[in-house]
N, C-alpha and C. Protein backbone atom coordinates (compact mmCIF):
# COMPACT_ATOMS: atom_id res chain seq x y z
N MET A 1 0.85 -1.18 0.00
CA MET A 1 0.00 0.00 0.00
C MET A 1 0.89 1.23 0.00
N PRO A 2 0.64 2.19 -0.88
CA PRO A 2 1.48 3.40 -0.94
C PRO A 2 1.34 4.23 0.32
N THR A 3 2.43 4.88 0.68
CA THR A 3 2.43 5.77 1.83
C THR A 3 1.74 7.07 1.45
N PRO A 4 0.81 7.54 2.30
CA PRO A 4 0.14 8.81 1.97
C PRO A 4 1.13 9.97 2.02
N PRO A 5 0.91 10.99 1.21
CA PRO A 5 1.83 12.14 1.24
C PRO A 5 1.80 12.82 2.60
N THR A 6 2.96 13.32 2.99
CA THR A 6 3.06 14.03 4.27
C THR A 6 3.07 15.53 4.02
N ARG A 7 2.67 16.27 5.01
CA ARG A 7 2.64 17.72 4.91
C ARG A 7 4.04 18.26 5.15
N THR A 8 4.53 19.06 4.25
CA THR A 8 5.87 19.63 4.37
C THR A 8 5.84 20.75 5.40
N THR A 9 6.77 20.70 6.36
CA THR A 9 6.81 21.73 7.40
C THR A 9 7.98 22.68 7.24
N THR A 10 8.86 22.40 6.29
CA THR A 10 10.00 23.28 6.03
C THR A 10 10.13 23.50 4.53
N LEU A 11 10.30 24.76 4.15
CA LEU A 11 10.52 25.10 2.75
C LEU A 11 11.94 25.66 2.62
N LEU A 12 12.74 25.03 1.79
CA LEU A 12 14.07 25.55 1.47
C LEU A 12 13.94 26.33 0.18
N HIS A 13 14.11 27.63 0.28
CA HIS A 13 13.91 28.57 -0.84
C HIS A 13 15.28 29.05 -1.29
N LEU A 14 15.69 28.63 -2.47
CA LEU A 14 17.01 29.00 -3.00
C LEU A 14 16.87 29.99 -4.14
N ASP A 15 17.61 31.07 -4.06
CA ASP A 15 17.74 32.01 -5.17
C ASP A 15 19.16 31.90 -5.70
N ALA A 16 19.30 31.82 -7.01
CA ALA A 16 20.63 31.70 -7.60
C ALA A 16 20.91 32.72 -8.68
N SER A 17 19.91 33.45 -9.11
CA SER A 17 20.10 34.42 -10.18
C SER A 17 20.92 35.61 -9.68
N ALA A 18 21.84 36.06 -10.49
CA ALA A 18 22.61 37.25 -10.15
C ALA A 18 21.77 38.51 -10.31
N ARG A 19 20.67 38.41 -11.03
CA ARG A 19 19.78 39.56 -11.21
C ARG A 19 18.84 39.69 -10.02
N ARG A 20 18.81 40.88 -9.44
CA ARG A 20 17.95 41.13 -8.28
C ARG A 20 16.46 41.08 -8.64
N ARG A 21 16.11 41.41 -9.89
CA ARG A 21 14.71 41.44 -10.30
C ARG A 21 14.44 40.42 -11.41
N SER A 22 14.95 39.23 -11.26
CA SER A 22 14.76 38.20 -12.29
C SER A 22 13.38 37.56 -12.15
N PHE A 23 12.95 36.95 -13.23
CA PHE A 23 11.68 36.23 -13.21
C PHE A 23 11.73 35.10 -12.20
N SER A 24 12.85 34.38 -12.15
CA SER A 24 12.94 33.24 -11.23
C SER A 24 12.86 33.69 -9.77
N ARG A 25 13.45 34.86 -9.44
CA ARG A 25 13.33 35.37 -8.07
C ARG A 25 11.89 35.76 -7.76
N GLU A 26 11.23 36.40 -8.71
CA GLU A 26 9.83 36.78 -8.50
C GLU A 26 8.95 35.54 -8.34
N ALA A 27 9.18 34.54 -9.17
CA ALA A 27 8.40 33.30 -9.08
C ALA A 27 8.67 32.61 -7.74
N GLY A 28 9.93 32.53 -7.35
CA GLY A 28 10.28 31.92 -6.07
C GLY A 28 9.65 32.65 -4.89
N ASP A 29 9.67 33.97 -4.94
CA ASP A 29 9.06 34.77 -3.87
C ASP A 29 7.56 34.50 -3.80
N ALA A 30 6.89 34.40 -4.96
CA ALA A 30 5.45 34.15 -4.99
C ALA A 30 5.12 32.77 -4.42
N VAL A 31 5.89 31.77 -4.82
CA VAL A 31 5.67 30.42 -4.31
C VAL A 31 5.92 30.38 -2.81
N ALA A 32 6.99 31.01 -2.34
CA ALA A 32 7.30 31.03 -0.91
C ALA A 32 6.20 31.74 -0.12
N ALA A 33 5.68 32.85 -0.64
CA ALA A 33 4.61 33.58 0.04
C ALA A 33 3.36 32.72 0.14
N ALA A 34 3.00 32.03 -0.94
CA ALA A 34 1.83 31.16 -0.92
C ALA A 34 2.03 30.00 0.05
N TRP A 35 3.24 29.44 0.05
CA TRP A 35 3.53 28.33 0.97
C TRP A 35 3.42 28.79 2.42
N ARG A 36 4.01 29.95 2.73
CA ARG A 36 3.95 30.47 4.11
C ARG A 36 2.51 30.72 4.53
N ALA A 37 1.68 31.21 3.61
CA ALA A 37 0.28 31.47 3.93
C ALA A 37 -0.47 30.18 4.24
N SER A 38 -0.12 29.11 3.55
CA SER A 38 -0.80 27.84 3.77
C SER A 38 -0.14 26.96 4.83
N HIS A 39 1.01 27.38 5.34
CA HIS A 39 1.74 26.65 6.39
C HIS A 39 2.14 27.63 7.49
N PRO A 40 1.17 28.14 8.25
CA PRO A 40 1.49 29.19 9.24
C PRO A 40 2.51 28.76 10.28
N GLY A 41 2.63 27.49 10.58
CA GLY A 41 3.63 27.04 11.55
C GLY A 41 4.89 26.52 10.91
N GLY A 42 4.96 26.63 9.58
CA GLY A 42 6.10 26.08 8.85
C GLY A 42 7.34 26.94 8.96
N ILE A 43 8.45 26.35 8.59
CA ILE A 43 9.74 27.04 8.62
C ILE A 43 10.14 27.36 7.19
N HIS A 44 10.44 28.63 6.93
CA HIS A 44 10.88 29.07 5.60
C HIS A 44 12.36 29.42 5.70
N VAL A 45 13.19 28.64 5.03
CA VAL A 45 14.63 28.88 5.02
C VAL A 45 14.97 29.45 3.64
N HIS A 46 15.48 30.67 3.62
CA HIS A 46 15.81 31.32 2.36
C HIS A 46 17.32 31.46 2.25
N ARG A 47 17.87 31.04 1.11
CA ARG A 47 19.31 31.16 0.87
C ARG A 47 19.51 31.80 -0.49
N ASP A 48 20.25 32.89 -0.51
CA ASP A 48 20.55 33.59 -1.77
C ASP A 48 21.97 33.21 -2.18
N LEU A 49 22.07 32.32 -3.14
CA LEU A 49 23.37 31.81 -3.56
C LEU A 49 24.18 32.81 -4.38
N ALA A 50 23.52 33.84 -4.89
CA ALA A 50 24.24 34.87 -5.64
C ALA A 50 24.93 35.83 -4.68
N SER A 51 24.26 36.20 -3.60
CA SER A 51 24.87 37.14 -2.66
C SER A 51 25.76 36.46 -1.63
N THR A 52 25.49 35.20 -1.33
CA THR A 52 26.29 34.43 -0.38
C THR A 52 26.58 33.07 -1.01
N PRO A 53 27.58 32.99 -1.90
CA PRO A 53 27.86 31.73 -2.60
C PRO A 53 28.32 30.62 -1.66
N VAL A 54 28.06 29.42 -2.08
CA VAL A 54 28.55 28.25 -1.35
C VAL A 54 30.06 28.21 -1.52
N PRO A 55 30.81 28.06 -0.42
CA PRO A 55 32.27 28.05 -0.55
C PRO A 55 32.76 26.84 -1.35
N GLN A 56 33.88 27.01 -2.02
CA GLN A 56 34.50 25.93 -2.76
C GLN A 56 34.98 24.84 -1.80
N ILE A 57 34.87 23.62 -2.24
CA ILE A 57 35.37 22.49 -1.45
C ILE A 57 36.72 22.10 -2.04
N GLY A 58 37.76 22.19 -1.23
CA GLY A 58 39.10 21.86 -1.68
C GLY A 58 39.60 20.56 -1.07
N GLU A 59 40.81 20.21 -1.40
CA GLU A 59 41.42 18.98 -0.91
C GLU A 59 41.49 18.95 0.61
N ALA A 60 41.81 20.08 1.24
CA ALA A 60 41.91 20.11 2.70
C ALA A 60 40.56 19.75 3.33
N TRP A 61 39.48 20.24 2.75
CA TRP A 61 38.15 19.95 3.29
C TRP A 61 37.83 18.46 3.17
N THR A 62 38.15 17.84 2.03
CA THR A 62 37.86 16.42 1.87
C THR A 62 38.72 15.57 2.80
N GLU A 63 39.95 15.99 3.02
CA GLU A 63 40.81 15.27 3.97
C GLU A 63 40.24 15.35 5.38
N LEU A 64 39.74 16.52 5.75
CA LEU A 64 39.13 16.67 7.07
C LEU A 64 37.91 15.77 7.19
N CYS A 65 37.08 15.75 6.17
CA CYS A 65 35.89 14.90 6.20
C CYS A 65 36.27 13.43 6.33
N ASP A 66 37.27 13.00 5.58
CA ASP A 66 37.73 11.61 5.68
C ASP A 66 38.20 11.30 7.10
N TYR A 67 38.95 12.22 7.70
CA TYR A 67 39.45 12.01 9.06
C TYR A 67 38.30 11.92 10.06
N VAL A 68 37.34 12.84 9.93
CA VAL A 68 36.20 12.87 10.84
C VAL A 68 35.41 11.57 10.75
N LEU A 69 35.17 11.10 9.53
CA LEU A 69 34.44 9.85 9.36
C LEU A 69 35.23 8.66 9.87
N GLU A 70 36.53 8.63 9.56
CA GLU A 70 37.37 7.52 10.00
C GLU A 70 37.40 7.39 11.51
N HIS A 71 37.42 8.52 12.21
CA HIS A 71 37.50 8.51 13.67
C HIS A 71 36.13 8.66 14.33
N GLU A 72 35.06 8.59 13.54
CA GLU A 72 33.69 8.64 14.02
C GLU A 72 33.42 9.87 14.88
N ILE A 73 34.01 10.98 14.50
CA ILE A 73 33.83 12.22 15.25
C ILE A 73 32.45 12.82 14.98
N THR A 74 31.76 12.32 13.97
CA THR A 74 30.41 12.79 13.69
C THR A 74 29.40 12.22 14.68
N ASP A 75 29.81 11.29 15.50
CA ASP A 75 28.93 10.72 16.53
C ASP A 75 28.59 11.81 17.54
N PRO A 76 27.30 12.11 17.75
CA PRO A 76 26.92 13.18 18.69
C PRO A 76 27.50 12.97 20.09
N ALA A 77 27.73 11.73 20.48
CA ALA A 77 28.29 11.47 21.81
C ALA A 77 29.70 12.03 21.95
N LEU A 78 30.39 12.22 20.81
CA LEU A 78 31.75 12.75 20.84
C LEU A 78 31.79 14.27 20.68
N ALA A 79 30.66 14.88 20.44
CA ALA A 79 30.62 16.31 20.12
C ALA A 79 31.26 17.17 21.19
N GLY A 80 31.10 16.82 22.44
CA GLY A 80 31.65 17.64 23.52
C GLY A 80 33.07 17.31 23.91
N ARG A 81 33.65 16.29 23.32
CA ARG A 81 35.01 15.89 23.71
C ARG A 81 36.03 16.82 23.10
N ARG A 82 36.86 17.39 23.94
CA ARG A 82 37.89 18.30 23.45
C ARG A 82 38.88 17.59 22.53
N ASP A 83 39.21 16.35 22.84
CA ASP A 83 40.20 15.66 22.02
C ASP A 83 39.65 15.38 20.62
N ALA A 84 38.36 15.17 20.48
CA ALA A 84 37.77 14.95 19.16
C ALA A 84 37.89 16.23 18.32
N HIS A 85 37.58 17.38 18.94
CA HIS A 85 37.68 18.64 18.22
C HIS A 85 39.13 18.98 17.90
N ALA A 86 40.02 18.72 18.83
CA ALA A 86 41.44 19.00 18.59
C ALA A 86 41.96 18.12 17.46
N ALA A 87 41.54 16.86 17.45
CA ALA A 87 41.98 15.95 16.39
C ALA A 87 41.46 16.42 15.03
N SER A 88 40.22 16.88 15.00
CA SER A 88 39.65 17.38 13.75
C SER A 88 40.43 18.58 13.24
N ARG A 89 40.72 19.50 14.13
CA ARG A 89 41.46 20.71 13.74
C ARG A 89 42.86 20.35 13.27
N ALA A 90 43.52 19.43 13.98
CA ALA A 90 44.87 19.01 13.60
C ALA A 90 44.86 18.37 12.22
N ALA A 91 43.86 17.55 11.94
CA ALA A 91 43.77 16.91 10.62
C ALA A 91 43.56 17.95 9.53
N ALA A 92 42.72 18.92 9.79
CA ALA A 92 42.46 19.97 8.80
C ALA A 92 43.72 20.77 8.53
N LEU A 93 44.45 21.12 9.57
CA LEU A 93 45.67 21.90 9.40
C LEU A 93 46.73 21.10 8.64
N GLU A 94 46.85 19.81 8.96
CA GLU A 94 47.82 18.98 8.28
C GLU A 94 47.47 18.84 6.80
N ALA A 95 46.21 18.61 6.51
CA ALA A 95 45.78 18.50 5.11
C ALA A 95 46.02 19.80 4.36
N ALA A 96 45.77 20.92 5.02
CA ALA A 96 45.98 22.22 4.40
C ALA A 96 47.46 22.45 4.10
N ARG A 97 48.31 22.05 5.04
CA ARG A 97 49.76 22.19 4.82
C ARG A 97 50.21 21.34 3.63
N GLU A 98 49.70 20.13 3.53
CA GLU A 98 50.10 19.22 2.46
C GLU A 98 49.67 19.73 1.09
N THR A 99 48.53 20.38 1.04
CA THR A 99 48.00 20.83 -0.26
C THR A 99 48.25 22.30 -0.54
N GLY A 100 48.75 23.03 0.45
CA GLY A 100 49.00 24.45 0.28
C GLY A 100 47.76 25.29 0.36
N GLU A 101 46.64 24.72 0.78
CA GLU A 101 45.38 25.46 0.92
C GLU A 101 45.33 26.14 2.27
N SER A 102 44.50 27.16 2.37
CA SER A 102 44.28 27.80 3.66
C SER A 102 42.89 27.48 4.15
N LEU A 103 42.73 27.47 5.45
CA LEU A 103 41.41 27.21 6.04
C LEU A 103 40.80 28.48 6.52
């Protein structure tokens, strides 16, 4: 039996046009306004990728991610451990030194 559709409680609204008055921005704004009106308790998350671009992912970042996963630092139980955070930072710095990237 198919699962019935669920009501969306969060809207992720992305703008990517470099034009401040583009059709896509106007359409996105209209859709977001209609969604907010029909979801009074919903969460509207707006991200403007033209004014705040997503940072580039470099080799140092991927090395840090590999280290974090390898040492299971993503486990919430480890979040408060100082040694987990220190190890993450040390791995990032080492990867940055090896690749010449800055963090």
